[in-house]
Amino acid sequence: MLTTLSVIAALFFVAHVYLLFTSFGKAGFQKKKYLWSHITLWITGALACIITLIFAGKSVSSVIDVFDTPVKSSLLIVLAFALSLIAHSIVKMLVLPKYTRI
């Protein structure tokens, strides 16, 4: 089950990166793809949280064992949202102004 959840989380993260980079193209800025890139990042964070809730403290992985309480596990979701907010701020303030000038 750990392997399955990890593979699913990795696939969502790959989808996030793909959607993020393909949101900007010759066709212009694609808001729907950009939104889905954020959603897939949030899902990745939720899956990481679920993994740690299920497997922390079972000596499956020393990294997973760090998240040995529900509060520590929920920080993974907070981290995903924080990364999303930081990325959105960078895109909004730095990328889009330069992108729309072209």
PDB file of N, CA and C in Angstrom:
ATOM      1  N   MET A   1       0.823  -1.192   0.000  1.00  0.00           N
ATOM      2  CA  MET A   1       0.000   0.000   0.000  1.00  0.00           C
ATOM      3  C   MET A   1       0.874   1.265   0.000  1.00  0.00           C
ATOM      4  N   LEU A   2       1.987   1.228   0.723  1.00  0.00           N
ATOM      5  CA  LEU A   2       2.892   2.377   0.743  1.00  0.00           C
ATOM      6  C   LEU A   2       3.408   2.673  -0.660  1.00  0.00           C
ATOM      7  N   THR A   3       3.792   1.644  -1.368  1.00  0.00           N
ATOM      8  CA  THR A   3       4.316   1.828  -2.722  1.00  0.00           C
ATOM      9  C   THR A   3       3.243   2.408  -3.632  1.00  0.00           C
ATOM     10  N   THR A   4       2.040   1.895  -3.540  1.00  0.00           N
ATOM     11  CA  THR A   4       0.940   2.387  -4.366  1.00  0.00           C
ATOM     12  C   THR A   4       0.666   3.858  -4.093  1.00  0.00           C
ATOM     13  N   LEU A   5       0.549   4.222  -2.821  1.00  0.00           N
ATOM     14  CA  LEU A   5       0.292   5.622  -2.472  1.00  0.00           C
ATOM     15  C   LEU A   5       1.452   6.524  -2.891  1.00  0.00           C
ATOM     16  N   SER A   6       2.661   6.032  -2.750  1.00  0.00           N
ATOM     17  CA  SER A   6       3.832   6.819  -3.141  1.00  0.00           C
ATOM     18  C   SER A   6       3.872   7.043  -4.647  1.00  0.00           C
ATOM     19  N   VAL A   7       3.549   6.018  -5.409  1.00  0.00           N
ATOM     20  CA  VAL A   7       3.526   6.147  -6.870  1.00  0.00           C
ATOM     21  C   VAL A   7       2.425   7.118  -7.294  1.00  0.00           C
ATOM     22  N   ILE A   8       1.268   7.015  -6.675  1.00  0.00           N
ATOM     23  CA  ILE A   8       0.175   7.937  -6.999  1.00  0.00           C
ATOM     24  C   ILE A   8       0.573   9.374  -6.672  1.00  0.00           C
ATOM     25  N   ALA A   9       1.195   9.577  -5.513  1.00  0.00           N
ATOM     26  CA  ALA A   9       1.645  10.921  -5.131  1.00  0.00           C
ATOM     27  C   ALA A   9       2.689  11.439  -6.128  1.00  0.00           C
ATOM     28  N   ALA A  10       3.603  10.580  -6.521  1.00  0.00           N
ATOM     29  CA  ALA A  10       4.627  10.978  -7.490  1.00  0.00           C
ATOM     30  C   ALA A  10       3.999  11.336  -8.838  1.00  0.00           C
ATOM     31  N   LEU A  11       3.006  10.569  -9.258  1.00  0.00           N
ATOM     32  CA  LEU A  11       2.324  10.867 -10.524  1.00  0.00           C
ATOM     33  C   LEU A  11       1.589  12.207 -10.455  1.00  0.00           C
ATOM     34  N   PHE A  12       0.959  12.493  -9.328  1.00  0.00           N
ATOM     35  CA  PHE A  12       0.291  13.787  -9.172  1.00  0.00           C
ATOM     36  C   PHE A  12       1.317  14.920  -9.201  1.00  0.00           C
ATOM     37  N   PHE A  13       2.491  14.700  -8.606  1.00  0.00           N
ATOM     38  CA  PHE A  13       3.516  15.734  -8.632  1.00  0.00           C
ATOM     39  C   PHE A  13       4.038  15.948 -10.052  1.00  0.00           C
ATOM     40  N   VAL A  14       4.239  14.875 -10.788  1.00  0.00           N
ATOM     41  CA  VAL A  14       4.668  14.991 -12.189  1.00  0.00           C
ATOM     42  C   VAL A  14       3.599  15.727 -12.995  1.00  0.00           C
ATOM     43  N   ALA A  15       2.327  15.402 -12.747  1.00  0.00           N
ATOM     44  CA  ALA A  15       1.234  16.109 -13.420  1.00  0.00           C
ATOM     45  C   ALA A  15       1.255  17.592 -13.068  1.00  0.00           C
ATOM     46  N   HIS A  16       1.550  17.897 -11.810  1.00  0.00           N
ATOM     47  CA  HIS A  16       1.647  19.292 -11.373  1.00  0.00           C
ATOM     48  C   HIS A  16       2.709  20.032 -12.179  1.00  0.00           C
ATOM     49  N   VAL A  17       3.892  19.458 -12.272  1.00  0.00           N
ATOM     50  CA  VAL A  17       4.991  20.101 -12.991  1.00  0.00           C
ATOM     51  C   VAL A  17       4.634  20.257 -14.473  1.00  0.00           C
ATOM     52  N   TYR A  18       4.093  19.217 -15.068  1.00  0.00           N
ATOM     53  CA  TYR A  18       3.696  19.268 -16.476  1.00  0.00           C
ATOM     54  C   TYR A  18       2.663  20.367 -16.715  1.00  0.00           C
ATOM     55  N   LEU A  19       1.616  20.390 -15.896  1.00  0.00           N
ATOM     56  CA  LEU A  19       0.568  21.393 -16.068  1.00  0.00           C
ATOM     57  C   LEU A  19       1.089  22.808 -15.835  1.00  0.00           C
ATOM     58  N   LEU A  20       1.979  22.954 -14.872  1.00  0.00           N
ATOM     59  CA  LEU A  20       2.532  24.268 -14.591  1.00  0.00           C
ATOM     60  C   LEU A  20       3.316  24.795 -15.785  1.00  0.00           C
ATOM     61  N   PHE A  21       4.200  23.967 -16.330  1.00  0.00           N
ATOM     62  CA  PHE A  21       5.026  24.428 -17.435  1.00  0.00           C
ATOM     63  C   PHE A  21       4.251  24.582 -18.737  1.00  0.00           C
ATOM     64  N   THR A  22       3.205  23.812 -18.921  1.00  0.00           N
ATOM     65  CA  THR A  22       2.428  23.943 -20.158  1.00  0.00           C
ATOM     66  C   THR A  22       1.322  24.988 -20.044  1.00  0.00           C
ATOM     67  N   SER A  23       1.204  25.633 -18.901  1.00  0.00           N
ATOM     68  CA  SER A  23       0.230  26.716 -18.751  1.00  0.00           C
ATOM     69  C   SER A  23       0.646  27.949 -19.544  1.00  0.00           C
ATOM     70  N   PHE A  24       1.920  28.028 -19.871  1.00  0.00           N
ATOM     71  CA  PHE A  24       2.463  29.157 -20.611  1.00  0.00           C
ATOM     72  C   PHE A  24       2.943  28.640 -21.959  1.00  0.00           C
ATOM     73  N   GLY A  25       2.298  29.101 -23.009  1.00  0.00           N
ATOM     74  CA  GLY A  25       2.692  28.635 -24.328  1.00  0.00           C
ATOM     75  C   GLY A  25       2.383  29.654 -25.392  1.00  0.00           C
ATOM     76  N   LYS A  26       2.499  29.239 -26.629  1.00  0.00           N
ATOM     77  CA  LYS A  26       2.237  30.134 -27.749  1.00  0.00           C
ATOM     78  C   LYS A  26       0.776  30.575 -27.789  1.00  0.00           C
ATOM     79  N   ALA A  27      -0.094  29.745 -27.228  1.00  0.00           N
ATOM     80  CA  ALA A  27      -1.523  30.075 -27.213  1.00  0.00           C
ATOM     81  C   ALA A  27      -1.864  31.082 -26.117  1.00  0.00           C
ATOM     82  N   GLY A  28      -0.869  31.474 -25.336  1.00  0.00           N
ATOM     83  CA  GLY A  28      -1.108  32.413 -24.247  1.00  0.00           C
ATOM     84  C   GLY A  28      -1.175  31.699 -22.911  1.00  0.00           C
ATOM     85  N   PHE A  29      -1.497  32.461 -21.898  1.00  0.00           N
ATOM     86  CA  PHE A  29      -1.607  31.921 -20.543  1.00  0.00           C
ATOM     87  C   PHE A  29      -2.914  31.147 -20.421  1.00  0.00           C
ATOM     88  N   GLN A  30      -2.818  29.889 -20.008  1.00  0.00           N
ATOM     89  CA  GLN A  30      -4.000  29.030 -19.909  1.00  0.00           C
ATOM     90  C   GLN A  30      -4.373  28.875 -18.439  1.00  0.00           C
ATOM     91  N   LYS A  31      -5.391  29.647 -18.032  1.00  0.00           N
ATOM     92  CA  LYS A  31      -5.778  29.702 -16.619  1.00  0.00           C
ATOM     93  C   LYS A  31      -6.245  28.356 -16.079  1.00  0.00           C
ATOM     94  N   LYS A  32      -6.962  27.597 -16.896  1.00  0.00           N
ATOM     95  CA  LYS A  32      -7.493  26.313 -16.431  1.00  0.00           C
ATOM     96  C   LYS A  32      -6.369  25.332 -16.117  1.00  0.00           C
ATOM     97  N   LYS A  33      -5.387  25.247 -16.987  1.00  0.00           N
ATOM     98  CA  LYS A  33      -4.230  24.374 -16.736  1.00  0.00           C
ATOM     99  C   LYS A  33      -3.476  24.831 -15.497  1.00  0.00           C
ATOM    100  N   TYR A  34      -3.341  26.143 -15.353  1.00  0.00           N
ATOM    101  CA  TYR A  34      -2.627  26.706 -14.215  1.00  0.00           C
ATOM    102  C   TYR A  34      -3.340  26.354 -12.910  1.00  0.00           C
ATOM    103  N   LEU A  35      -4.669  26.462 -12.909  1.00  0.00           N
ATOM    104  CA  LEU A  35      -5.449  26.080 -11.723  1.00  0.00           C
ATOM    105  C   LEU A  35      -5.260  24.600 -11.414  1.00  0.00           C
ATOM    106  N   TRP A  36      -5.318  23.762 -12.444  1.00  0.00           N
ATOM    107  CA  TRP A  36      -5.145  22.327 -12.220  1.00  0.00           C
ATOM    108  C   TRP A  36      -3.737  21.985 -11.745  1.00  0.00           C
ATOM    109  N   SER A  37      -2.768  22.796 -12.121  1.00  0.00           N
ATOM    110  CA  SER A  37      -1.413  22.549 -11.614  1.00  0.00           C
ATOM    111  C   SER A  37      -1.379  22.755 -10.102  1.00  0.00           C
ATOM    112  N   HIS A  38      -2.094  23.761  -9.612  1.00  0.00           N
ATOM    113  CA  HIS A  38      -2.169  23.978  -8.172  1.00  0.00           C
ATOM    114  C   HIS A  38      -2.950  22.860  -7.478  1.00  0.00           C
ATOM    115  N   ILE A  39      -4.042  22.461  -8.075  1.00  0.00           N
ATOM    116  CA  ILE A  39      -4.871  21.401  -7.479  1.00  0.00           C
ATOM    117  C   ILE A  39      -4.086  20.102  -7.364  1.00  0.00           C
ATOM    118  N   THR A  40      -3.312  19.763  -8.397  1.00  0.00           N
ATOM    119  CA  THR A  40      -2.528  18.528  -8.328  1.00  0.00           C
ATOM    120  C   THR A  40      -1.436  18.618  -7.261  1.00  0.00           C
ATOM    121  N   LEU A  41      -0.901  19.815  -7.028  1.00  0.00           N
ATOM    122  CA  LEU A  41       0.070  19.985  -5.942  1.00  0.00           C
ATOM    123  C   LEU A  41      -0.604  19.771  -4.586  1.00  0.00           C
ATOM    124  N   TRP A  42      -1.806  20.307  -4.427  1.00  0.00           N
ATOM    125  CA  TRP A  42      -2.536  20.138  -3.167  1.00  0.00           C
ATOM    126  C   TRP A  42      -2.869  18.668  -2.922  1.00  0.00           C
ATOM    127  N   ILE A  43      -3.242  17.963  -3.983  1.00  0.00           N
ATOM    128  CA  ILE A  43      -3.534  16.528  -3.860  1.00  0.00           C
ATOM    129  C   ILE A  43      -2.268  15.769  -3.463  1.00  0.00           C
ATOM    130  N   THR A  44      -1.138  16.150  -4.027  1.00  0.00           N
ATOM    131  CA  THR A  44       0.137  15.532  -3.651  1.00  0.00           C
ATOM    132  C   THR A  44       0.402  15.719  -2.162  1.00  0.00           C
ATOM    133  N   GLY A  45       0.177  16.926  -1.655  1.00  0.00           N
ATOM    134  CA  GLY A  45       0.352  17.191  -0.227  1.00  0.00           C
ATOM    135  C   GLY A  45      -0.588  16.366   0.626  1.00  0.00           C
ATOM    136  N   ALA A  46      -1.832  16.238   0.180  1.00  0.00           N
ATOM    137  CA  ALA A  46      -2.807  15.433   0.927  1.00  0.00           C
ATOM    138  C   ALA A  46      -2.404  13.962   0.937  1.00  0.00           C
ATOM    139  N   LEU A  47      -1.925  13.462  -0.194  1.00  0.00           N
ATOM    140  CA  LEU A  47      -1.470  12.069  -0.249  1.00  0.00           C
ATOM    141  C   LEU A  47      -0.257  11.847   0.649  1.00  0.00           C
ATOM    142  N   ALA A  48       0.661  12.799   0.667  1.00  0.00           N
ATOM    143  CA  ALA A  48       1.822  12.688   1.563  1.00  0.00           C
ATOM    144  C   ALA A  48       1.364  12.668   3.018  1.00  0.00           C
ATOM    145  N   CYS A  49       0.383  13.484   3.338  1.00  0.00           N
ATOM    146  CA  CYS A  49      -0.170  13.497   4.693  1.00  0.00           C
ATOM    147  C   CYS A  49      -0.794  12.145   5.040  1.00  0.00           C
ATOM    148  N   ILE A  50      -1.555  11.593   4.130  1.00  0.00           N
ATOM    149  CA  ILE A  50      -2.195  10.289   4.351  1.00  0.00           C
ATOM    150  C   ILE A  50      -1.133   9.207   4.550  1.00  0.00           C
ATOM    151  N   ILE A  51      -0.088   9.251   3.726  1.00  0.00           N
ATOM    152  CA  ILE A  51       0.999   8.269   3.854  1.00  0.00           C
ATOM    153  C   ILE A  51       1.607   8.331   5.247  1.00  0.00           C
ATOM    154  N   THR A  52       1.890   9.533   5.721  1.00  0.00           N
ATOM    155  CA  THR A  52       2.517   9.662   7.038  1.00  0.00           C
ATOM    156  C   THR A  52       1.553   9.286   8.162  1.00  0.00           C
ATOM    157  N   LEU A  53       0.277   9.577   7.994  1.00  0.00           N
ATOM    158  CA  LEU A  53      -0.697   9.189   9.022  1.00  0.00           C
ATOM    159  C   LEU A  53      -0.784   7.670   9.159  1.00  0.00           C
ATOM    160  N   ILE A  54      -0.687   6.985   8.025  1.00  0.00           N
ATOM    161  CA  ILE A  54      -0.820   5.518   8.041  1.00  0.00           C
ATOM    162  C   ILE A  54       0.479   4.840   8.495  1.00  0.00           C
ATOM    163  N   PHE A  55       1.630   5.338   8.027  1.00  0.00           N
ATOM    164  CA  PHE A  55       2.871   4.589   8.190  1.00  0.00           C
ATOM    165  C   PHE A  55       3.874   5.157   9.190  1.00  0.00           C
ATOM    166  N   ALA A  56       3.637   6.344   9.734  1.00  0.00           N
ATOM    167  CA  ALA A  56       4.591   6.912  10.695  1.00  0.00           C
ATOM    168  C   ALA A  56       4.643   6.064  11.958  1.00  0.00           C
ATOM    169  N   GLY A  57       5.846   5.873  12.466  1.00  0.00           N
ATOM    170  CA  GLY A  57       6.038   5.104  13.686  1.00  0.00           C
ATOM    171  C   GLY A  57       6.104   3.605  13.475  1.00  0.00           C
ATOM    172  N   LYS A  58       6.027   3.158  12.232  1.00  0.00           N
ATOM    173  CA  LYS A  58       6.064   1.724  11.939  1.00  0.00           C
ATOM    174  C   LYS A  58       7.422   1.295  11.392  1.00  0.00           C
ATOM    175  N   SER A  59       8.402   2.174  11.466  1.00  0.00           N
ATOM    176  CA  SER A  59       9.770   1.907  11.006  1.00  0.00           C
ATOM    177  C   SER A  59       9.844   1.465   9.548  1.00  0.00           C
ATOM    178  N   VAL A  60       8.934   1.979   8.744  1.00  0.00           N
ATOM    179  CA  VAL A  60       8.961   1.697   7.308  1.00  0.00           C
ATOM    180  C   VAL A  60       9.989   2.584   6.633  1.00  0.00           C
ATOM    181  N   SER A  61      10.068   3.827   7.101  1.00  0.00           N
ATOM    182  CA  SER A  61      11.004   4.796   6.543  1.00  0.00           C
ATOM    183  C   SER A  61      11.346   5.814   7.622  1.00  0.00           C
ATOM    184  N   SER A  62      12.613   6.156   7.703  1.00  0.00           N
ATOM    185  CA  SER A  62      13.018   7.141   8.713  1.00  0.00           C
ATOM    186  C   SER A  62      12.452   8.518   8.393  1.00  0.00           C
ATOM    187  N   VAL A  63      12.240   8.814   7.118  1.00  0.00           N
ATOM    188  CA  VAL A  63      11.647  10.098   6.731  1.00  0.00           C
ATOM    189  C   VAL A  63      10.184  10.143   7.155  1.00  0.00           C
ATOM    190  N   ILE A  64       9.465   9.082   6.925  1.00  0.00           N
ATOM    191  CA  ILE A  64       8.050   9.028   7.309  1.00  0.00           C
ATOM    192  C   ILE A  64       7.912   9.067   8.825  1.00  0.00           C
ATOM    193  N   ASP A  65       8.832   8.452   9.539  1.00  0.00           N
ATOM    194  CA  ASP A  65       8.768   8.430  11.002  1.00  0.00           C
ATOM    195  C   ASP A  65       8.926   9.808  11.634  1.00  0.00           C
ATOM    196  N   VAL A  66       9.468  10.762  10.899  1.00  0.00           N
ATOM    197  CA  VAL A  66       9.578  12.134  11.415  1.00  0.00           C
ATOM    198  C   VAL A  66       8.189  12.711  11.673  1.00  0.00           C
ATOM    199  N   PHE A  67       7.226  12.345  10.850  1.00  0.00           N
ATOM    200  CA  PHE A  67       5.858  12.859  10.950  1.00  0.00           C
ATOM    201  C   PHE A  67       5.019  11.920  11.826  1.00  0.00           C
ATOM    202  N   ASP A  68       5.397  11.822  13.093  1.00  0.00           N
ATOM    203  CA  ASP A  68       4.802  10.827  13.984  1.00  0.00           C
ATOM    204  C   ASP A  68       3.542  11.294  14.710  1.00  0.00           C
ATOM    205  N   THR A  69       3.103  12.514  14.465  1.00  0.00           N
ATOM    206  CA  THR A  69       1.852  12.986  15.061  1.00  0.00           C
ATOM    207  C   THR A  69       0.959  13.537  13.951  1.00  0.00           C
ATOM    208  N   PRO A  70      -0.344  13.565  14.186  1.00  0.00           N
ATOM    209  CA  PRO A  70      -1.244  14.134  13.175  1.00  0.00           C
ATOM    210  C   PRO A  70      -0.936  15.602  12.851  1.00  0.00           C
ATOM    211  N   VAL A  71      -0.475  16.351  13.834  1.00  0.00           N
ATOM    212  CA  VAL A  71      -0.137  17.755  13.592  1.00  0.00           C
ATOM    213  C   VAL A  71       1.048  17.860  12.640  1.00  0.00           C
ATOM    214  N   LYS A  72       2.069  17.043  12.874  1.00  0.00           N
ATOM    215  CA  LYS A  72       3.232  17.050  11.976  1.00  0.00           C
ATOM    216  C   LYS A  72       2.830  16.591  10.579  1.00  0.00           C
ATOM    217  N   SER A  73       1.956  15.609  10.493  1.00  0.00           N
ATOM    218  CA  SER A  73       1.492  15.136   9.186  1.00  0.00           C
ATOM    219  C   SER A  73       0.721  16.219   8.449  1.00  0.00           C
ATOM    220  N   SER A  74      -0.109  16.947   9.176  1.00  0.00           N
ATOM    221  CA  SER A  74      -0.907  17.997   8.529  1.00  0.00           C
ATOM    222  C   SER A  74      -0.035  19.140   8.019  1.00  0.00           C
ATOM    223  N   LEU A  75       1.167  19.261   8.547  1.00  0.00           N
ATOM    224  CA  LEU A  75       2.085  20.283   8.050  1.00  0.00           C
ATOM    225  C   LEU A  75       2.462  20.048   6.585  1.00  0.00           C
ATOM    226  N   LEU A  76       2.336  18.823   6.118  1.00  0.00           N
ATOM    227  CA  LEU A  76       2.604  18.545   4.711  1.00  0.00           C
ATOM    228  C   LEU A  76       1.564  19.213   3.822  1.00  0.00           C
ATOM    229  N   ILE A  77       0.325  19.236   4.261  1.00  0.00           N
ATOM    230  CA  ILE A  77      -0.724  19.938   3.511  1.00  0.00           C
ATOM    231  C   ILE A  77      -0.472  21.441   3.560  1.00  0.00           C
ATOM    232  N   VAL A  78      -0.098  21.933   4.732  1.00  0.00           N
ATOM    233  CA  VAL A  78       0.223  23.353   4.878  1.00  0.00           C
ATOM    234  C   VAL A  78       1.391  23.716   3.959  1.00  0.00           C
ATOM    235  N   LEU A  79       2.397  22.857   3.903  1.00  0.00           N
ATOM    236  CA  LEU A  79       3.540  23.084   3.033  1.00  0.00           C
ATOM    237  C   LEU A  79       3.117  23.149   1.567  1.00  0.00           C
ATOM    238  N   ALA A  80       2.230  22.247   1.148  1.00  0.00           N
ATOM    239  CA  ALA A  80       1.750  22.248  -0.239  1.00  0.00           C
ATOM    240  C   ALA A  80       1.033  23.559  -0.556  1.00  0.00           C
ATOM    241  N   PHE A  81       0.181  24.025   0.351  1.00  0.00           N
ATOM    242  CA  PHE A  81      -0.514  25.285   0.126  1.00  0.00           C
ATOM    243  C   PHE A  81       0.454  26.472   0.145  1.00  0.00           C
ATOM    244  N   ALA A  82       1.445  26.427   1.026  1.00  0.00           N
ATOM    245  CA  ALA A  82       2.434  27.507   1.089  1.00  0.00           C
ATOM    246  C   ALA A  82       3.257  27.561  -0.203  1.00  0.00           C
ATOM    247  N   LEU A  83       3.684  26.407  -0.688  1.00  0.00           N
ATOM    248  CA  LEU A  83       4.423  26.369  -1.954  1.00  0.00           C
ATOM    249  C   LEU A  83       3.563  26.876  -3.104  1.00  0.00           C
ATOM    250  N   SER A  84       2.301  26.526  -3.078  1.00  0.00           N
ATOM    251  CA  SER A  84       1.372  26.984  -4.103  1.00  0.00           C
ATOM    252  C   SER A  84       1.224  28.503  -4.053  1.00  0.00           C
ATOM    253  N   LEU A  85       1.104  29.052  -2.858  1.00  0.00           N
ATOM    254  CA  LEU A  85       0.978  30.497  -2.697  1.00  0.00           C
ATOM    255  C   LEU A  85       2.243  31.223  -3.150  1.00  0.00           C
ATOM    256  N   ILE A  86       3.397  30.690  -2.781  1.00  0.00           N
ATOM    257  CA  ILE A  86       4.663  31.299  -3.195  1.00  0.00           C
ATOM    258  C   ILE A  86       4.806  31.256  -4.717  1.00  0.00           C
ATOM    259  N   ALA A  87       4.516  30.105  -5.301  1.00  0.00           N
ATOM    260  CA  ALA A  87       4.616  29.968  -6.758  1.00  0.00           C
ATOM    261  C   ALA A  87       3.635  30.910  -7.461  1.00  0.00           C
ATOM    262  N   HIS A  88       2.420  30.999  -6.935  1.00  0.00           N
ATOM    263  CA  HIS A  88       1.418  31.877  -7.534  1.00  0.00           C
ATOM    264  C   HIS A  88       1.876  33.335  -7.459  1.00  0.00           C
ATOM    265  N   SER A  89       2.468  33.711  -6.342  1.00  0.00           N
ATOM    266  CA  SER A  89       2.958  35.081  -6.188  1.00  0.00           C
ATOM    267  C   SER A  89       4.078  35.380  -7.183  1.00  0.00           C
ATOM    268  N   ILE A  90       4.981  34.440  -7.352  1.00  0.00           N
ATOM    269  CA  ILE A  90       6.075  34.619  -8.316  1.00  0.00           C
ATOM    270  C   ILE A  90       5.521  34.761  -9.726  1.00  0.00           C
ATOM    271  N   VAL A  91       4.588  33.892 -10.082  1.00  0.00           N
ATOM    272  CA  VAL A  91       4.007  33.955 -11.423  1.00  0.00           C
ATOM    273  C   VAL A  91       3.265  35.269 -11.618  1.00  0.00           C
ATOM    274  N   LYS A  92       2.473  35.656 -10.625  1.00  0.00           N
ATOM    275  CA  LYS A  92       1.665  36.875 -10.754  1.00  0.00           C
ATOM    276  C   LYS A  92       2.525  38.134 -10.828  1.00  0.00           C
ATOM    277  N   MET A  93       3.579  38.200 -10.013  1.00  0.00           N
ATOM    278  CA  MET A  93       4.378  39.421  -9.952  1.00  0.00           C
ATOM    279  C   MET A  93       5.537  39.472 -10.945  1.00  0.00           C
ATOM    280  N   LEU A  94       6.101  38.329 -11.285  1.00  0.00           N
ATOM    281  CA  LEU A  94       7.290  38.326 -12.130  1.00  0.00           C
ATOM    282  C   LEU A  94       7.067  37.767 -13.532  1.00  0.00           C
ATOM    283  N   VAL A  95       6.341  36.677 -13.634  1.00  0.00           N
ATOM    284  CA  VAL A  95       6.227  36.002 -14.930  1.00  0.00           C
ATOM    285  C   VAL A  95       5.155  36.639 -15.806  1.00  0.00           C
ATOM    286  N   LEU A  96       3.948  36.804 -15.291  1.00  0.00           N
ATOM    287  CA  LEU A  96       2.858  37.315 -16.123  1.00  0.00           C
ATOM    288  C   LEU A  96       3.104  38.719 -16.676  1.00  0.00           C
ATOM    289  N   PRO A  97       3.649  39.647 -15.887  1.00  0.00           N
ATOM    290  CA  PRO A  97       3.916  40.963 -16.487  1.00  0.00           C
ATOM    291  C   PRO A  97       4.876  40.898 -17.677  1.00  0.00           C
ATOM    292  N   LYS A  98       5.902  40.084 -17.594  1.00  0.00           N
ATOM    293  CA  LYS A  98       6.843  39.936 -18.706  1.00  0.00           C
ATOM    294  C   LYS A  98       6.224  39.141 -19.845  1.00  0.00           C
ATOM    295  N   TYR A  99       5.390  38.168 -19.498  1.00  0.00           N
ATOM    296  CA  TYR A  99       4.763  37.308 -20.485  1.00  0.00           C
ATOM    297  C   TYR A  99       3.758  38.085 -21.334  1.00  0.00           C
ATOM    298  N   THR A 100       3.025  38.996 -20.736  1.00  0.00           N
ATOM    299  CA  THR A 100       2.004  39.743 -21.468  1.00  0.00           C
ATOM    300  C   THR A 100       2.612  40.838 -22.340  1.00  0.00           C
ATOM    301  N   ARG A 101       3.852  41.258 -22.061  1.00  0.00           N
ATOM    302  CA  ARG A 101       4.528  42.259 -22.879  1.00  0.00           C
ATOM    303  C   ARG A 101       4.989  41.692 -24.212  1.00  0.00           C
ATOM    304  N   ILE A 102       5.207  40.404 -24.244  1.00  0.00           N
ATOM    305  CA  ILE A 102       5.749  39.769 -25.467  1.00  0.00           C
ATOM    306  C   ILE A 102       4.726  39.719 -26.554  1.00  0.00           C
TER     307      ILE A 102
END
